Amino acid sequence: MNRIQLALNVDDLESSIAFYGKLFDAAPAKVRPGYANFAIAEPPLKLVLIENPGHGGSLNHLGVEVGDVDAVDAIQSRLAADGLASVDERGVTCCYAKQDKFWVEGTPDGEPWEVYTVLADAPAAAEPAADGQPCCA
């Protein structure tokens, strides 16, 4: 399944879970400390909530979740052919999931976009990044 991902910074995770649960008539698919996500069927959306007090109501990042690594590779190749650069991240742990993904560089307004597939669930939020950046930023 392909679906758009919207990752939001929220001030209070519990109240945000309650609100978005009502808004989309859905229960979260995953809840961890400071993190929750909803896998919404209609409209096809992966809604990610990242507790970040003082930054609630702001965008964390955007993404496209795809079904497998072949789809990640195909989209990355298509974007490269169209002249868009990307930063590859394979086998990373981010947002409580092991993922293969890439980040699109050069968005006109600077919003972070990722294209990813989930390989497996993970017990930790993230592995330390080599560049010191958080996994979802």
N, C-alpha and C. Protein backbone atom coordinates (compact mmCIF):
# COMPACT_ATOMS: atom_id res chain seq x y z
N MET A 1 0.84 -1.18 0.00
CA MET A 1 0.00 0.00 0.00
C MET A 1 0.88 1.24 0.00
N ASN A 2 0.56 2.19 -0.82
CA ASN A 2 1.20 3.49 -0.80
C ASN A 2 0.27 4.46 -0.11
N ARG A 3 0.85 5.32 0.72
CA ARG A 3 0.04 6.35 1.38
C ARG A 3 0.94 7.51 1.78
N ILE A 4 0.37 8.67 1.87
CA ILE A 4 1.09 9.86 2.31
C ILE A 4 1.29 9.77 3.82
N GLN A 5 2.45 10.24 4.26
CA GLN A 5 2.73 10.34 5.69
C GLN A 5 2.78 11.80 6.07
N LEU A 6 2.12 12.13 7.17
CA LEU A 6 2.14 13.47 7.74
C LEU A 6 2.62 13.32 9.17
N ALA A 7 3.80 13.86 9.48
CA ALA A 7 4.36 13.77 10.83
C ALA A 7 4.26 15.15 11.47
N LEU A 8 3.55 15.21 12.57
CA LEU A 8 3.31 16.47 13.27
C LEU A 8 4.01 16.50 14.61
N ASN A 9 4.53 17.66 14.97
CA ASN A 9 4.99 17.89 16.34
C ASN A 9 3.75 18.21 17.16
N VAL A 10 3.65 17.62 18.34
CA VAL A 10 2.52 17.88 19.23
C VAL A 10 3.05 18.22 20.62
N ASP A 11 2.33 19.08 21.32
CA ASP A 11 2.72 19.45 22.68
C ASP A 11 2.39 18.34 23.67
N ASP A 12 1.23 17.73 23.52
CA ASP A 12 0.76 16.71 24.46
C ASP A 12 0.29 15.49 23.68
N LEU A 13 1.03 14.41 23.80
CA LEU A 13 0.74 13.22 23.01
C LEU A 13 -0.63 12.63 23.32
N GLU A 14 -0.97 12.51 24.59
CA GLU A 14 -2.25 11.87 24.95
C GLU A 14 -3.45 12.63 24.40
N SER A 15 -3.46 13.97 24.54
CA SER A 15 -4.61 14.72 24.02
C SER A 15 -4.63 14.68 22.50
N SER A 16 -3.47 14.63 21.87
CA SER A 16 -3.42 14.54 20.41
C SER A 16 -3.93 13.19 19.92
N ILE A 17 -3.56 12.12 20.62
CA ILE A 17 -4.07 10.79 20.27
C ILE A 17 -5.59 10.78 20.37
N ALA A 18 -6.12 11.36 21.44
CA ALA A 18 -7.58 11.40 21.62
C ALA A 18 -8.24 12.19 20.48
N PHE A 19 -7.69 13.35 20.14
CA PHE A 19 -8.28 14.17 19.09
C PHE A 19 -8.24 13.47 17.73
N TYR A 20 -7.06 13.00 17.33
CA TYR A 20 -6.94 12.39 16.00
C TYR A 20 -7.67 11.05 15.92
N GLY A 21 -7.80 10.36 17.04
CA GLY A 21 -8.60 9.14 17.07
C GLY A 21 -10.05 9.43 16.74
N LYS A 22 -10.56 10.53 17.30
CA LYS A 22 -11.94 10.94 17.00
C LYS A 22 -12.05 11.45 15.56
N LEU A 23 -11.08 12.29 15.15
CA LEU A 23 -11.14 12.89 13.81
C LEU A 23 -11.18 11.82 12.72
N PHE A 24 -10.34 10.79 12.85
CA PHE A 24 -10.25 9.76 11.81
C PHE A 24 -10.99 8.48 12.18
N ASP A 25 -11.68 8.48 13.33
CA ASP A 25 -12.42 7.30 13.79
C ASP A 25 -11.53 6.06 13.75
N ALA A 26 -10.35 6.20 14.38
CA ALA A 26 -9.36 5.13 14.34
C ALA A 26 -8.55 5.12 15.63
N ALA A 27 -8.06 3.95 15.96
CA ALA A 27 -7.14 3.81 17.09
C ALA A 27 -5.71 3.86 16.56
N PRO A 28 -4.78 4.31 17.38
CA PRO A 28 -3.39 4.33 16.91
C PRO A 28 -2.89 2.91 16.62
N ALA A 29 -2.06 2.80 15.60
CA ALA A 29 -1.43 1.52 15.25
C ALA A 29 -0.25 1.24 16.16
N LYS A 30 0.40 2.31 16.64
CA LYS A 30 1.56 2.16 17.51
C LYS A 30 1.64 3.35 18.45
N VAL A 31 1.88 3.07 19.74
CA VAL A 31 2.10 4.12 20.73
C VAL A 31 3.34 3.74 21.52
N ARG A 32 4.28 4.66 21.59
CA ARG A 32 5.52 4.50 22.34
C ARG A 32 5.78 5.81 23.08
N PRO A 33 6.73 5.85 23.98
CA PRO A 33 7.01 7.10 24.69
C PRO A 33 7.30 8.25 23.73
N GLY A 34 6.47 9.30 23.78
CA GLY A 34 6.67 10.47 22.93
C GLY A 34 6.32 10.28 21.47
N TYR A 35 5.67 9.17 21.13
CA TYR A 35 5.44 8.83 19.73
C TYR A 35 4.15 8.03 19.57
N ALA A 36 3.42 8.32 18.51
CA ALA A 36 2.26 7.50 18.14
C ALA A 36 2.08 7.61 16.63
N ASN A 37 1.51 6.55 16.04
CA ASN A 37 1.13 6.67 14.63
C ASN A 37 -0.20 5.98 14.39
N PHE A 38 -0.89 6.50 13.40
CA PHE A 38 -2.17 5.96 12.95
C PHE A 38 -1.99 5.51 11.51
N ALA A 39 -2.42 4.30 11.20
CA ALA A 39 -2.41 3.79 9.83
C ALA A 39 -3.86 3.85 9.35
N ILE A 40 -4.22 4.95 8.73
CA ILE A 40 -5.61 5.23 8.37
C ILE A 40 -5.87 4.73 6.95
N ALA A 41 -6.94 3.95 6.82
CA ALA A 41 -7.28 3.36 5.52
C ALA A 41 -7.93 4.37 4.59
N GLU A 42 -8.80 5.21 5.13
CA GLU A 42 -9.54 6.14 4.28
C GLU A 42 -9.62 7.48 4.96
N PRO A 43 -8.99 8.51 4.44
CA PRO A 43 -8.11 8.49 3.28
C PRO A 43 -6.80 7.79 3.62
N PRO A 44 -6.11 7.21 2.64
CA PRO A 44 -4.87 6.50 2.92
C PRO A 44 -3.82 7.46 3.49
N LEU A 45 -3.57 7.34 4.79
CA LEU A 45 -2.69 8.28 5.49
C LEU A 45 -1.97 7.57 6.62
N LYS A 46 -0.69 7.83 6.75
CA LYS A 46 0.07 7.45 7.94
C LYS A 46 0.26 8.75 8.70
N LEU A 47 -0.45 8.90 9.82
CA LEU A 47 -0.36 10.09 10.65
C LEU A 47 0.58 9.78 11.80
N VAL A 48 1.67 10.53 11.90
CA VAL A 48 2.66 10.33 12.94
C VAL A 48 2.63 11.53 13.88
N LEU A 49 2.56 11.26 15.18
CA LEU A 49 2.57 12.30 16.19
C LEU A 49 3.87 12.18 16.98
N ILE A 50 4.63 13.25 17.04
CA ILE A 50 5.90 13.26 17.75
C ILE A 50 5.81 14.32 18.84
N GLU A 51 5.85 13.87 20.10
CA GLU A 51 5.74 14.81 21.21
C GLU A 51 6.99 15.69 21.24
N ASN A 52 6.76 16.98 21.11
CA ASN A 52 7.83 17.96 21.05
C ASN A 52 7.31 19.24 21.71
N PRO A 53 7.22 19.24 23.06
CA PRO A 53 6.61 20.37 23.78
C PRO A 53 7.21 21.71 23.35
N GLY A 54 6.31 22.67 23.16
CA GLY A 54 6.70 23.99 22.72
C GLY A 54 6.72 24.15 21.21
N HIS A 55 6.57 23.04 20.48
CA HIS A 55 6.56 23.09 19.02
C HIS A 55 5.28 22.48 18.44
N GLY A 56 4.29 22.26 19.29
CA GLY A 56 3.03 21.67 18.84
C GLY A 56 2.39 22.48 17.74
N GLY A 57 1.75 21.75 16.82
CA GLY A 57 1.06 22.40 15.71
C GLY A 57 1.96 22.69 14.54
N SER A 58 3.21 22.23 14.61
CA SER A 58 4.11 22.47 13.50
C SER A 58 4.42 21.16 12.78
N LEU A 59 4.87 21.29 11.57
CA LEU A 59 5.22 20.14 10.75
C LEU A 59 6.56 19.57 11.20
N ASN A 60 6.64 18.26 11.36
CA ASN A 60 7.91 17.60 11.61
C ASN A 60 8.52 17.19 10.28
N HIS A 61 7.77 16.39 9.50
CA HIS A 61 8.20 16.03 8.14
C HIS A 61 7.05 15.40 7.40
N LEU A 62 7.23 15.23 6.11
CA LEU A 62 6.26 14.58 5.23
C LEU A 62 6.90 13.35 4.62
N GLY A 63 6.08 12.43 4.18
CA GLY A 63 6.65 11.24 3.58
C GLY A 63 5.66 10.50 2.71
N VAL A 64 6.21 9.51 2.03
CA VAL A 64 5.40 8.57 1.25
C VAL A 64 5.83 7.18 1.70
N GLU A 65 4.90 6.45 2.29
CA GLU A 65 5.17 5.06 2.68
C GLU A 65 4.80 4.16 1.51
N VAL A 66 5.73 3.29 1.14
CA VAL A 66 5.49 2.37 0.03
C VAL A 66 5.61 0.94 0.55
N GLY A 67 5.19 0.00 -0.28
CA GLY A 67 5.06 -1.39 0.16
C GLY A 67 6.34 -2.18 0.29
N ASP A 68 7.40 -1.79 -0.44
CA ASP A 68 8.61 -2.60 -0.38
C ASP A 68 9.82 -1.81 -0.87
N VAL A 69 11.00 -2.42 -0.71
CA VAL A 69 12.25 -1.78 -1.10
C VAL A 69 12.31 -1.50 -2.60
N ASP A 70 11.74 -2.38 -3.41
CA ASP A 70 11.73 -2.15 -4.85
C ASP A 70 11.02 -0.84 -5.20
N ALA A 71 9.94 -0.55 -4.50
CA ALA A 71 9.22 0.70 -4.75
C ALA A 71 10.05 1.90 -4.31
N VAL A 72 10.76 1.80 -3.17
CA VAL A 72 11.66 2.87 -2.73
C VAL A 72 12.69 3.13 -3.83
N ASP A 73 13.32 2.06 -4.31
CA ASP A 73 14.36 2.19 -5.33
C ASP A 73 13.81 2.79 -6.63
N ALA A 74 12.63 2.36 -7.04
CA ALA A 74 12.04 2.86 -8.29
C ALA A 74 11.75 4.36 -8.20
N ILE A 75 11.21 4.79 -7.08
CA ILE A 75 10.91 6.21 -6.92
C ILE A 75 12.19 7.03 -6.85
N GLN A 76 13.19 6.51 -6.12
CA GLN A 76 14.46 7.22 -6.03
C GLN A 76 15.11 7.35 -7.42
N SER A 77 15.06 6.31 -8.22
CA SER A 77 15.61 6.35 -9.59
C SER A 77 14.85 7.35 -10.45
N ARG A 78 13.53 7.35 -10.35
CA ARG A 78 12.72 8.28 -11.14
C ARG A 78 13.05 9.72 -10.77
N LEU A 79 13.16 10.01 -9.47
CA LEU A 79 13.46 11.37 -9.03
C LEU A 79 14.87 11.79 -9.46
N ALA A 80 15.83 10.86 -9.40
CA ALA A 80 17.19 11.17 -9.86
C ALA A 80 17.19 11.50 -11.35
N ALA A 81 16.41 10.77 -12.13
CA ALA A 81 16.31 11.03 -13.57
C ALA A 81 15.69 12.40 -13.84
N ASP A 82 14.86 12.86 -12.89
CA ASP A 82 14.24 14.18 -13.00
C ASP A 82 15.11 15.28 -12.39
N GLY A 83 16.34 14.91 -11.95
CA GLY A 83 17.28 15.90 -11.42
C GLY A 83 17.17 16.20 -9.95
N LEU A 84 16.41 15.40 -9.19
CA LEU A 84 16.29 15.64 -7.76
C LEU A 84 17.27 14.74 -6.99
N ALA A 85 18.06 15.37 -6.14
CA ALA A 85 19.02 14.63 -5.32
C ALA A 85 18.32 14.05 -4.10
N SER A 86 18.95 13.02 -3.54
CA SER A 86 18.39 12.40 -2.34
C SER A 86 19.51 11.92 -1.44
N VAL A 87 19.16 11.69 -0.18
CA VAL A 87 20.08 11.15 0.81
C VAL A 87 19.56 9.77 1.20
N ASP A 88 20.35 8.76 0.92
CA ASP A 88 19.97 7.36 1.16
C ASP A 88 20.14 6.99 2.63
N GLU A 89 19.18 6.27 3.17
CA GLU A 89 19.27 5.69 4.52
C GLU A 89 18.69 4.28 4.44
N ARG A 90 19.54 3.30 4.54
CA ARG A 90 19.10 1.91 4.42
C ARG A 90 19.34 1.19 5.74
N GLY A 91 18.36 0.40 6.15
CA GLY A 91 18.49 -0.39 7.36
C GLY A 91 18.55 0.45 8.63
N VAL A 92 17.95 1.63 8.61
CA VAL A 92 17.98 2.52 9.77
C VAL A 92 16.80 2.25 10.69
N THR A 93 16.98 2.54 11.96
CA THR A 93 15.88 2.49 12.91
C THR A 93 15.43 3.92 13.17
N CYS A 94 14.16 4.17 12.89
CA CYS A 94 13.58 5.50 13.06
C CYS A 94 12.10 5.33 13.37
N CYS A 95 11.61 6.11 14.30
CA CYS A 95 10.18 6.09 14.63
C CYS A 95 9.71 4.67 14.98
N TYR A 96 10.52 3.98 15.77
CA TYR A 96 10.19 2.65 16.26
C TYR A 96 9.99 1.63 15.14
N ALA A 97 10.73 1.81 14.04
CA ALA A 97 10.65 0.87 12.93
C ALA A 97 12.00 0.81 12.21
N LYS A 98 12.36 -0.38 11.75
CA LYS A 98 13.52 -0.56 10.89
C LYS A 98 13.05 -0.21 9.48
N GLN A 99 13.79 0.67 8.77
CA GLN A 99 13.32 1.20 7.49
C GLN A 99 14.44 1.24 6.45
N ASP A 100 14.06 1.15 5.21
CA ASP A 100 14.88 1.54 4.07
C ASP A 100 14.20 2.77 3.50
N LYS A 101 14.97 3.85 3.30
CA LYS A 101 14.35 5.09 2.85
C LYS A 101 15.38 6.01 2.24
N PHE A 102 14.86 7.11 1.72
CA PHE A 102 15.70 8.22 1.30
C PHE A 102 14.95 9.51 1.56
N TRP A 103 15.73 10.58 1.72
CA TRP A 103 15.19 11.92 1.90
C TRP A 103 15.42 12.70 0.61
N VAL A 104 14.40 13.40 0.14
CA VAL A 104 14.50 14.21 -1.05
C VAL A 104 15.14 15.54 -0.67
N GLU A 105 16.13 15.96 -1.43
CA GLU A 105 16.79 17.24 -1.16
C GLU A 105 16.27 18.31 -2.10
N GLY A 106 16.38 19.56 -1.66
CA GLY A 106 16.08 20.69 -2.53
C GLY A 106 14.62 21.05 -2.67
N THR A 107 13.79 20.70 -1.66
CA THR A 107 12.39 21.11 -1.76
C THR A 107 12.31 22.63 -1.75
N PRO A 108 11.42 23.23 -2.52
CA PRO A 108 11.40 24.68 -2.67
C PRO A 108 11.25 25.45 -1.36
N ASP A 109 10.48 24.91 -0.42
CA ASP A 109 10.24 25.62 0.84
C ASP A 109 10.93 24.97 2.02
N GLY A 110 11.78 23.98 1.77
CA GLY A 110 12.58 23.39 2.83
C GLY A 110 11.91 22.32 3.67
N GLU A 111 10.69 21.94 3.31
CA GLU A 111 10.02 20.90 4.11
C GLU A 111 10.68 19.55 3.83
N PRO A 112 10.95 18.76 4.89
CA PRO A 112 11.57 17.45 4.69
C PRO A 112 10.57 16.41 4.18
N TRP A 113 10.92 15.74 3.08
CA TRP A 113 10.13 14.65 2.50
C TRP A 113 10.97 13.38 2.50
N GLU A 114 10.38 12.29 2.96
CA GLU A 114 11.04 10.99 2.89
C GLU A 114 10.16 10.02 2.10
N VAL A 115 10.80 9.06 1.46
CA VAL A 115 10.12 7.94 0.81
C VAL A 115 10.70 6.71 1.48
N TYR A 116 9.82 5.86 2.03
CA TYR A 116 10.31 4.76 2.87
C TYR A 116 9.42 3.53 2.82
N THR A 117 10.01 2.43 3.27
CA THR A 117 9.25 1.22 3.55
C THR A 117 9.66 0.72 4.92
N VAL A 118 8.72 0.16 5.65
CA VAL A 118 9.00 -0.42 6.96
C VAL A 118 9.42 -1.87 6.77
N LEU A 119 10.59 -2.20 7.29
CA LEU A 119 11.11 -3.56 7.21
C LEU A 119 10.68 -4.41 8.40
N ALA A 120 10.61 -3.78 9.58
CA ALA A 120 10.24 -4.49 10.82
C ALA A 120 9.97 -3.47 11.91
N ASP A 121 9.25 -3.90 12.92
CA ASP A 121 9.04 -3.09 14.11
C ASP A 121 10.35 -3.02 14.88
N ALA A 122 10.54 -1.98 15.67
CA ALA A 122 11.77 -1.84 16.47
C ALA A 122 11.41 -1.36 17.87
N PRO A 123 12.13 -1.85 18.88
CA PRO A 123 11.83 -1.47 20.26
C PRO A 123 12.30 -0.07 20.63
N ALA A 124 13.23 0.51 19.87
CA ALA A 124 13.76 1.83 20.18
C ALA A 124 13.27 2.86 19.17
N ALA A 125 13.26 4.12 19.58
CA ALA A 125 12.82 5.19 18.69
C ALA A 125 13.77 5.35 17.52
N ALA A 126 15.08 5.30 17.80
CA ALA A 126 16.06 5.54 16.74
C ALA A 126 17.42 5.03 17.14
N GLU A 127 18.23 4.78 16.13
CA GLU A 127 19.66 4.56 16.33
C GLU A 127 20.33 5.90 16.14
N PRO A 128 21.44 6.14 16.83
CA PRO A 128 22.13 7.42 16.61
C PRO A 128 22.56 7.55 15.15
N ALA A 129 22.30 8.70 14.56
CA ALA A 129 22.69 8.94 13.17
C ALA A 129 24.16 9.33 13.11
N ALA A 130 24.83 8.96 12.05
CA ALA A 130 26.24 9.26 11.88
C ALA A 130 26.47 10.77 11.85
N ASP A 131 25.50 11.53 11.30
CA ASP A 131 25.68 12.97 11.20
C ASP A 131 25.12 13.70 12.42
N GLY A 132 24.62 12.96 13.43
CA GLY A 132 24.10 13.57 14.64
C GLY A 132 22.68 14.08 14.52
N GLN A 133 22.07 13.96 13.35
CA GLN A 133 20.72 14.43 13.14
C GLN A 133 19.71 13.44 13.70
N PRO A 134 18.58 13.91 14.23
CA PRO A 134 17.54 12.98 14.65
C PRO A 134 16.99 12.24 13.44
N CYS A 135 16.36 11.10 13.67
CA CYS A 135 15.92 10.28 12.53
C CYS A 135 14.82 10.96 11.73
N CYS A 136 13.98 11.69 12.36
CA CYS A 136 12.84 12.30 11.65
C CYS A 136 12.99 13.82 11.64
N ALA A 137 13.99 14.28 10.94
CA ALA A 137 14.19 15.74 10.88
C ALA A 137 14.86 16.09 9.58
